C-alpha atoms as a PDB file:
ATOM      1  CA  VAL A   1     -24.845-144.004  45.315  1.00  0.00           C
ATOM      2  CA  ASN A   2     -24.115-144.134  49.311  1.00  0.00           C
ATOM      3  CA  ALA A   3     -21.240-142.026  49.183  1.00  0.00           C
ATOM      4  CA  LYS A   4     -18.814-144.219  51.098  1.00  0.00           C
ATOM      5  CA  GLU A   5     -19.615-147.520  49.681  1.00  0.00           C
ATOM      6  CA  PHE A   6     -18.553-145.137  46.510  1.00  0.00           C
ATOM      7  CA  SER A   7     -15.449-144.121  48.151  1.00  0.00           C
ATOM      8  CA  GLY A   8     -14.213-147.692  49.489  1.00  0.00           C
ATOM      9  CA  ALA A   9     -15.117-149.172  46.156  1.00  0.00           C
ATOM     10  CA  LEU A  10     -12.479-146.305  43.888  1.00  0.00           C
ATOM     11  CA  ASP A  11     -10.217-146.831  46.753  1.00  0.00           C
ATOM     12  CA  LYS A  12      -9.950-150.173  45.862  1.00  0.00           C
ATOM     13  CA  VAL A  13      -9.948-150.521  41.941  1.00  0.00           C
ATOM     14  CA  SER A  14      -7.773-147.460  41.636  1.00  0.00           C
ATOM     15  CA  ARG A  15      -4.516-149.809  43.511  1.00  0.00           C
ATOM     16  CA  ALA A  16      -4.633-151.243  39.706  1.00  0.00           C
ATOM     17  CA  VAL A  17      -4.150-148.323  38.288  1.00  0.00           C
ATOM     18  CA  GLN A  18      -0.377-146.814  37.363  1.00  0.00           C
ATOM     19  CA  LYS A  19       1.561-143.899  35.812  1.00  0.00           C
ATOM     20  CA  SER A  20       2.239-144.058  31.806  1.00  0.00           C
ATOM     21  CA  LYS A  21       3.693-141.974  29.867  1.00  0.00           C
ATOM     22  CA  PHE A  22       1.998-143.810  26.660  1.00  0.00           C
ATOM     23  CA  LEU A  23      -1.245-144.738  28.112  1.00  0.00           C
ATOM     24  CA  PRO A  24      -2.285-141.643  30.819  1.00  0.00           C
ATOM     25  CA  VAL A  25      -5.955-144.181  30.819  1.00  0.00           C
ATOM     26  CA  LEU A  26      -4.091-146.697  32.589  1.00  0.00           C
ATOM     27  CA  GLU A  27      -3.788-143.854  35.389  1.00  0.00           C
ATOM     28  CA  GLU A  28      -7.963-143.307  35.728  1.00  0.00           C
ATOM     29  CA  VAL A  29     -10.453-145.613  36.615  1.00  0.00           C
ATOM     30  CA  LEU A  30     -14.135-146.430  34.448  1.00  0.00           C
ATOM     31  CA  VAL A  31     -17.484-145.894  36.195  1.00  0.00           C
ATOM     32  CA  CYS A  32     -20.122-147.196  34.568  1.00  0.00           C
ATOM     33  CA  PHE A  33     -23.794-146.731  36.323  1.00  0.00           C
ATOM     34  CA  THR A  34     -26.118-149.977  34.509  1.00  0.00           C
ATOM     35  CA  ASN A  35     -29.217-151.138  35.962  1.00  0.00           C
ATOM     36  CA  GLY A  36     -29.084-149.769  38.972  1.00  0.00           C
ATOM     37  CA  ARG A  37     -25.837-151.089  40.560  1.00  0.00           C
ATOM     38  CA  CYS A  38     -22.458-148.071  39.752  1.00  0.00           C
ATOM     39  CA  VAL A  39     -19.512-150.774  38.241  1.00  0.00           C
ATOM     40  CA  LEU A  40     -15.879-149.753  39.086  1.00  0.00           C
ATOM     41  CA  THR A  41     -13.054-150.652  37.040  1.00  0.00           C
ATOM     42  CA  GLY A  42      -8.984-149.591  37.518  1.00  0.00           C
ATOM     43  CA  THR A  43      -6.384-151.454  35.580  1.00  0.00           C
ATOM     44  CA  ASN A  44      -2.952-151.417  34.250  1.00  0.00           C
ATOM     45  CA  LEU A  45      -3.309-153.683  31.059  1.00  0.00           C
ATOM     46  CA  GLU A  46      -2.016-156.900  32.882  1.00  0.00           C
ATOM     47  CA  THR A  47      -5.167-156.729  36.231  1.00  0.00           C
ATOM     48  CA  TRP A  48      -8.134-155.722  35.812  1.00  0.00           C
ATOM     49  CA  LEU A  49      -9.854-154.662  38.946  1.00  0.00           C
ATOM     50  CA  THR A  50     -14.201-154.740  39.318  1.00  0.00           C
ATOM     51  CA  THR A  51     -15.900-153.339  42.133  1.00  0.00           C
ATOM     52  CA  GLU A  52     -19.897-152.697  41.961  1.00  0.00           C
ATOM     53  CA  ILE A  53     -22.285-151.196  44.701  1.00  0.00           C
ATOM     54  CA  PRO A  54     -25.727-150.046  44.439  1.00  0.00           C
ATOM     55  CA  ALA A  55     -27.367-146.870  42.795  1.00  0.00           C
ATOM     56  CA  GLN A  56     -30.033-145.594  41.468  1.00  0.00           C
ATOM     57  CA  GLY A  57     -30.614-143.068  38.447  1.00  0.00           C
ATOM     58  CA  ASP A  58     -29.316-142.702  34.980  1.00  0.00           C
ATOM     59  CA  ASP A  59     -27.506-145.542  32.887  1.00  0.00           C
ATOM     60  CA  PHE A  60     -24.402-143.693  31.488  1.00  0.00           C
ATOM     61  CA  ALA A  61     -20.368-143.928  31.590  1.00  0.00           C
ATOM     62  CA  PHE A  62     -17.625-141.793  31.876  1.00  0.00           C
ATOM     63  CA  VAL A  63     -13.448-142.124  32.951  1.00  0.00           C
ATOM     64  CA  PHE A  64     -12.364-140.519  35.640  1.00  0.00           C
ATOM     65  CA  HIS A  65      -9.931-137.359  35.334  1.00  0.00           C
ATOM     66  CA  ARG A  66      -7.271-137.139  37.689  1.00  0.00           C
ATOM     67  CA  THR A  67      -8.362-140.467  39.821  1.00  0.00           C
ATOM     68  CA  ALA A  68      -6.007-140.209  42.487  1.00  0.00           C
ATOM     69  CA  SER A  69      -7.322-136.064  43.233  1.00  0.00           C
ATOM     70  CA  VAL A  70     -11.195-137.244  43.248  1.00  0.00           C
ATOM     71  CA  VAL A  71     -10.000-140.043  45.766  1.00  0.00           C
ATOM     72  CA  ARG A  72      -8.579-137.624  47.616  1.00  0.00           C
ATOM     73  CA  ALA A  73     -11.946-135.478  47.720  1.00  0.00           C
ATOM     74  CA  CYS A  74     -14.438-138.548  47.205  1.00  0.00           C
ATOM     75  CA  ARG A  75     -12.912-139.337  51.207  1.00  0.00           C
ATOM     76  CA  HIS A  76     -14.872-135.691  52.663  1.00  0.00           C
ATOM     77  CA  PHE A  77     -18.578-137.259  51.481  1.00  0.00           C
ATOM     78  CA  ASP A  78     -20.674-138.850  53.727  1.00  0.00           C
ATOM     79  CA  GLY A  79     -24.865-140.351  53.346  1.00  0.00           C
ATOM     80  CA  GLU A  80     -26.486-139.846  49.923  1.00  0.00           C
ATOM     81  CA  LEU A  81     -23.824-138.567  46.763  1.00  0.00           C
ATOM     82  CA  THR A  82     -25.095-137.781  43.582  1.00  0.00           C
ATOM     83  CA  LEU A  83     -23.245-137.750  40.615  1.00  0.00           C
ATOM     84  CA  GLU A  84     -24.049-135.482  37.407  1.00  0.00           C
ATOM     85  CA  VAL A  85     -22.361-136.590  33.821  1.00  0.00           C
ATOM     86  CA  THR A  86     -22.510-133.334  31.009  1.00  0.00           C
ATOM     87  CA  GLU A  87     -21.473-134.122  27.809  1.00  0.00           C
ATOM     88  CA  THR A  88     -20.636-131.316  24.495  1.00  0.00           C
ATOM     89  CA  GLY A  89     -19.532-131.011  21.532  1.00  0.00           C
ATOM     90  CA  ALA A  90     -19.485-133.591  18.607  1.00  0.00           C
ATOM     91  CA  GLY A  91     -17.113-136.345  17.246  1.00  0.00           C
ATOM     92  CA  GLN A  92     -13.094-135.339  17.779  1.00  0.00           C
ATOM     93  CA  ASP A  93     -14.212-132.108  19.625  1.00  0.00           C
ATOM     94  CA  ARG A  94     -16.932-134.420  22.434  1.00  0.00           C
ATOM     95  CA  SER A  95     -15.844-134.076  25.664  1.00  0.00           C
ATOM     96  CA  LEU A  96     -17.724-134.544  29.688  1.00  0.00           C
ATOM     97  CA  SER A  97     -17.546-132.624  32.633  1.00  0.00           C
ATOM     98  CA  LEU A  98     -18.729-134.605  36.103  1.00  0.00           C
ATOM     99  CA  ALA A  99     -20.446-132.927  39.323  1.00  0.00           C
ATOM    100  CA  MET A 100     -20.260-134.629  42.382  1.00  0.00           C
ATOM    101  CA  SER A 101     -22.664-133.069  45.341  1.00  0.00           C
ATOM    102  CA  CYS A 102     -23.343-134.841  48.518  1.00  0.00           C
ATOM    103  CA  GLY A 103     -25.311-132.298  51.291  1.00  0.00           C
ATOM    104  CA  ALA A 104     -23.632-129.186  51.125  1.00  0.00           C
ATOM    105  CA  ARG A 105     -21.090-130.592  49.907  1.00  0.00           C
ATOM    106  CA  ALA A 106     -19.789-130.659  45.786  1.00  0.00           C
ATOM    107  CA  ALA A 107     -16.746-131.112  43.199  1.00  0.00           C
ATOM    108  CA  ARG A 108     -16.604-130.132  40.143  1.00  0.00           C
ATOM    109  CA  PHE A 109     -14.221-132.636  37.413  1.00  0.00           C
ATOM    110  CA  SER A 110     -13.214-133.040  33.741  1.00  0.00           C
ATOM    111  CA  ALA A 111     -13.961-136.559  32.585  1.00  0.00           C
ATOM    112  CA  ASP A 112     -13.257-138.758  29.719  1.00  0.00           C
ATOM    113  CA  LEU A 113     -14.717-140.323  27.131  1.00  0.00           C
ATOM    114  CA  PRO A 114     -15.602-144.550  28.838  1.00  0.00           C
ATOM    115  CA  GLU A 115     -14.709-146.134  24.788  1.00  0.00           C
ATOM    116  CA  ASP A 116     -11.315-145.141  24.910  1.00  0.00           C
ATOM    117  CA  TYR A 117     -10.600-147.785  27.943  1.00  0.00           C
ATOM    118  CA  PRO A 118      -9.433-150.673  27.771  1.00  0.00           C
ATOM    119  CA  ALA A 119     -11.342-153.623  28.248  1.00  0.00           C
ATOM    120  CA  ALA A 120     -10.577-157.041  30.012  1.00  0.00           C
ATOM    121  CA  GLY A 121     -10.395-160.246  27.780  1.00  0.00           C
ATOM    122  CA  SER A 122     -13.497-162.315  26.817  1.00  0.00           C
ATOM    123  CA  GLY A 123     -13.875-165.622  26.218  1.00  0.00           C
ATOM    124  CA  GLU A 124     -14.960-169.851  26.334  1.00  0.00           C
ATOM    125  CA  LEU A 125     -14.954-170.836  29.926  1.00  0.00           C
ATOM    126  CA  LEU A 126     -12.595-173.466  30.333  1.00  0.00           C
ATOM    127  CA  ARG A 127     -12.606-174.550  34.204  1.00  0.00           C
ATOM    128  CA  THR A 128     -14.345-172.825  37.610  1.00  0.00           C
ATOM    129  CA  PHE A 129     -13.261-174.023  41.155  1.00  0.00           C
ATOM    130  CA  THR A 130     -13.478-172.147  44.408  1.00  0.00           C
ATOM    131  CA  ALA A 131     -11.071-171.580  47.275  1.00  0.00           C
ATOM    132  CA  ASN A 132     -10.605-170.009  50.111  1.00  0.00           C
ATOM    133  CA  ALA A 133      -9.202-165.733  49.844  1.00  0.00           C
ATOM    134  CA  GLU A 134      -7.244-166.052  52.830  1.00  0.00           C
ATOM    135  CA  ARG A 135      -5.696-169.550  52.315  1.00  0.00           C
ATOM    136  CA  LEU A 136      -5.245-169.071  49.013  1.00  0.00           C
ATOM    137  CA  LEU A 137      -2.644-165.872  49.455  1.00  0.00           C
ATOM    138  CA  GLU A 138      -1.121-167.194  52.355  1.00  0.00           C
ATOM    139  CA  ARG A 139       0.243-170.010  50.163  1.00  0.00           C
ATOM    140  CA  VAL A 140       1.381-167.621  47.768  1.00  0.00           C
ATOM    141  CA  GLU A 141       2.906-165.441  50.219  1.00  0.00           C
ATOM    142  CA  HIS A 142       4.827-168.718  51.043  1.00  0.00           C
ATOM    143  CA  VAL A 143       6.757-169.390  47.810  1.00  0.00           C
ATOM    144  CA  ARG A 144       6.557-165.548  46.184  1.00  0.00           C
ATOM    145  CA  TYR A 145       9.998-165.056  47.155  1.00  0.00           C
ATOM    146  CA  PRO A 146      12.702-166.145  44.693  1.00  0.00           C
ATOM    147  CA  LEU A 147      10.401-165.020  41.562  1.00  0.00           C
ATOM    148  CA  LYS A 148      12.205-162.854  39.541  1.00  0.00           C
ATOM    149  CA  LYS A 149      11.369-159.170  37.992  1.00  0.00           C
ATOM    150  CA  PRO A 150       9.803-159.675  34.163  1.00  0.00           C
ATOM    151  CA  ASP A 151      11.852-158.220  32.046  1.00  0.00           C
ATOM    152  CA  ILE A 152      12.611-159.287  27.901  1.00  0.00           C
ATOM    153  CA  HIS A 153      15.010-161.894  29.200  1.00  0.00           C
ATOM    154  CA  THR A 154      13.195-163.558  31.628  1.00  0.00           C
ATOM    155  CA  LYS A 155      11.431-166.847  31.493  1.00  0.00           C
ATOM    156  CA  ALA A 156       7.237-166.291  32.646  1.00  0.00           C
ATOM    157  CA  ALA A 157       8.287-169.950  34.715  1.00  0.00           C
ATOM    158  CA  GLN A 158      11.000-167.672  36.764  1.00  0.00           C
ATOM    159  CA  THR A 159       8.100-164.720  37.187  1.00  0.00           C
ATOM    160  CA  HIS A 160       4.988-165.988  37.514  1.00  0.00           C
ATOM    161  CA  VAL A 161       3.353-168.053  40.274  1.00  0.00           C
ATOM    162  CA  GLN A 162       2.474-171.556  39.389  1.00  0.00           C
ATOM    163  CA  PHE A 163       0.225-174.008  40.178  1.00  0.00           C
ATOM    164  CA  SER A 164      -0.872-177.285  39.408  1.00  0.00           C
ATOM    165  CA  ALA A 165      -2.154-180.352  40.701  1.00  0.00           C
ATOM    166  CA  ASN A 166      -2.680-179.784  44.882  1.00  0.00           C
ATOM    167  CA  ASP A 167       0.459-177.563  44.806  1.00  0.00           C
ATOM    168  CA  ILE A 168       1.805-173.701  44.476  1.00  0.00           C
ATOM    169  CA  TYR A 169       5.429-173.066  43.405  1.00  0.00           C
ATOM    170  CA  ALA A 170       7.952-170.725  42.392  1.00  0.00           C
ATOM    171  CA  LEU A 171      11.961-170.827  41.160  1.00  0.00           C
ATOM    172  CA  ASP A 172      14.187-168.363  39.664  1.00  0.00           C
ATOM    173  CA  GLY A 173      16.292-171.066  38.930  1.00  0.00           C
ATOM    174  CA  TYR A 174      18.534-171.603  41.636  1.00  0.00           C
ATOM    175  CA  ARG A 175      15.654-171.539  44.498  1.00  0.00           C
ATOM    176  CA  LEU A 176      12.640-173.762  44.460  1.00  0.00           C
ATOM    177  CA  ALA A 177       9.888-172.664  47.308  1.00  0.00           C
ATOM    178  CA  TRP A 178       6.765-175.379  47.040  1.00  0.00           C
ATOM    179  CA  ASP A 179       3.336-175.705  49.320  1.00  0.00           C
ATOM    180  CA  ASN A 180       1.356-178.372  49.510  1.00  0.00           C
ATOM    181  CA  ASP A 181      -2.502-178.970  50.628  1.00  0.00           C
ATOM    182  CA  PRO A 182      -4.183-181.571  49.391  1.00  0.00           C
ATOM    183  CA  GLU A 183      -7.505-180.269  50.621  1.00  0.00           C
ATOM    184  CA  LEU A 184      -7.253-177.921  47.263  1.00  0.00           C
ATOM    185  CA  ARG A 185      -6.604-179.187  43.812  1.00  0.00           C
ATOM    186  CA  PHE A 186      -6.083-176.989  40.737  1.00  0.00           C
ATOM    187  CA  PRO A 187      -8.153-178.293  37.859  1.00  0.00           C
ATOM    188  CA  MET A 188      -5.892-177.647  35.078  1.00  0.00           C
ATOM    189  CA  PRO A 189      -1.962-176.399  35.181  1.00  0.00           C
ATOM    190  CA  PHE A 190      -1.591-172.056  35.121  1.00  0.00           C
ATOM    191  CA  MET A 191       1.417-169.791  36.563  1.00  0.00           C
ATOM    192  CA  VAL A 192       0.232-166.137  37.451  1.00  0.00           C
ATOM    193  CA  LEU A 193       1.899-162.440  37.928  1.00  0.00           C
ATOM    194  CA  PRO A 194       2.082-162.205  42.175  1.00  0.00           C
ATOM    195  CA  GLU A 195       1.282-159.005  42.025  1.00  0.00           C
ATOM    196  CA  ALA A 196      -2.290-159.965  39.985  1.00  0.00           C
ATOM    197  CA  LEU A 197      -2.288-162.305  43.421  1.00  0.00           C
ATOM    198  CA  GLU A 198      -1.701-159.828  46.340  1.00  0.00           C
ATOM    199  CA  TYR A 199      -5.078-158.198  45.647  1.00  0.00           C
ATOM    200  CA  LEU A 200      -6.901-161.247  47.150  1.00  0.00           C
ATOM    201  CA  ARG A 201      -6.729-159.721  50.707  1.00  0.00           C
ATOM    202  CA  PHE A 202      -9.686-157.518  49.706  1.00  0.00           C
ATOM    203  CA  PHE A 203     -11.291-160.450  50.282  1.00  0.00           C
ATOM    204  CA  GLY A 204     -10.315-161.491  53.193  1.00  0.00           C
ATOM    205  CA  ASP A 205     -11.478-165.200  54.949  1.00  0.00           C
ATOM    206  CA  LYS A 206     -14.599-164.898  52.164  1.00  0.00           C
ATOM    207  CA  GLU A 207     -14.472-168.596  49.975  1.00  0.00           C
ATOM    208  CA  VAL A 208     -14.071-167.154  45.956  1.00  0.00           C
ATOM    209  CA  SER A 209     -14.786-168.622  42.517  1.00  0.00           C
ATOM    210  CA  VAL A 210     -11.935-168.876  40.800  1.00  0.00           C
ATOM    211  CA  SER A 211     -12.708-169.133  36.584  1.00  0.00           C
ATOM    212  CA  PHE A 212     -10.148-169.627  33.775  1.00  0.00           C
ATOM    213  CA  VAL A 213     -11.998-167.560  30.541  1.00  0.00           C
ATOM    214  CA  GLY A 214     -10.437-166.939  27.987  1.00  0.00           C
ATOM    215  CA  GLN A 215      -6.146-166.665  28.767  1.00  0.00           C
ATOM    216  CA  HIS A 216      -7.569-164.860  31.990  1.00  0.00           C
ATOM    217  CA  LEU A 217      -8.037-165.948  35.085  1.00  0.00           C
ATOM    218  CA  GLN A 218     -10.904-164.240  36.883  1.00  0.00           C
ATOM    219  CA  ILE A 219     -11.725-164.409  40.978  1.00  0.00           C
ATOM    220  CA  THR A 220     -14.928-163.427  42.145  1.00  0.00           C
ATOM    221  CA  ASP A 221     -16.773-163.095  45.753  1.00  0.00           C
ATOM    222  CA  GLY A 222     -19.570-161.542  43.254  1.00  0.00           C
ATOM    223  CA  ALA A 223     -19.071-157.974  43.567  1.00  0.00           C
ATOM    224  CA  PHE A 224     -14.959-157.206  43.271  1.00  0.00           C
ATOM    225  CA  THR A 225     -13.201-159.676  40.951  1.00  0.00           C
ATOM    226  CA  ILE A 226      -9.776-159.585  39.998  1.00  0.00           C
ATOM    227  CA  GLU A 227      -8.967-160.735  36.431  1.00  0.00           C
ATOM    228  CA  SER A 228      -5.350-161.277  35.225  1.00  0.00           C
ATOM    229  CA  HIS A 229      -3.653-163.444  32.508  1.00  0.00           C
ATOM    230  CA  PHE A 230      -2.855-166.625  32.929  1.00  0.00           C
ATOM    231  CA  GLU A 231      -0.290-168.158  30.597  1.00  0.00           C
ATOM    232  CA  MET A 232       0.437-172.511  30.716  1.00  0.00           C
ATOM    233  CA  MET A 233       3.524-172.276  28.117  1.00  0.00           C
ATOM    234  CA  GLY A 234       6.647-173.049  29.522  1.00  0.00           C
ATOM    235  CA  MET A 235       5.972-174.557  33.496  1.00  0.00           C
ATOM    236  CA  PHE A 236       8.036-176.233  35.329  1.00  0.00           C
ATOM    237  CA  ASN A 237       7.473-180.109  35.756  1.00  0.00           C
ATOM    238  CA  LEU A 238       7.691-179.819  39.682  1.00  0.00           C
ATOM    239  CA  ASP A 239       7.167-184.088  39.774  1.00  0.00           C
ATOM    240  CA  SER A 240      10.622-184.435  38.206  1.00  0.00           C
ATOM    241  CA  ALA A 241      11.949-181.936  40.521  1.00  0.00           C
ATOM    242  CA  ILE A 242      11.392-183.886  43.871  1.00  0.00           C
ATOM    243  CA  PRO A 243      12.735-187.117  44.491  1.00  0.00           C
ATOM    244  CA  GLY A 244      10.380-189.816  45.236  1.00  0.00           C
ATOM    245  CA  GLU A 245      10.875-192.980  47.311  1.00  0.00           C
END
């Protein structure tokens, strides 16, 4: 792979990983080489970030161990980067080691098994629409300020950004922030945690495809994808709260 492309892709998807004492794999990034593409994925179990770049060579997969250290190391590579995985042992004793080389620079890391990495959701494609990522993020940022932090005692309608018809809105039970744009109508009502929508900034001013697949919302430009859970139950009825003429 190209070292700079790989480093940029790894830096992007690693934004989704987080410290976890219960599931250490959530601190890591999955790397899959398949059909001439290198696909990198990071997740916190609520949101999956996936991006892909061109690659050459064999098909294989691994999970970085101590991804944060790998991110820093990859910034020093420039040119053609070669990744080689060596597998030893069998069954419960199976383990992977990773060698990365680029010109005169080289690094070696331990790696984890790819089958232990949590997969994103799957399901039936329900609806799809297109939107400008920059404009969509701008609208979300305008309304998200009333939202509460999620916990077991707080309703989803008070922690999620809500989308219905031409409206994007958020509320905490006391305040309601509302943005209306007649140029974009959502094909079905839904709500998403605002943290997942922050990654819209990676698309810049691009047009993106937004799809409802099973219980997941997928936003993609073909190379970078955000996938997160969406909710429909318990949404606030905005029309009943806004007085008419």
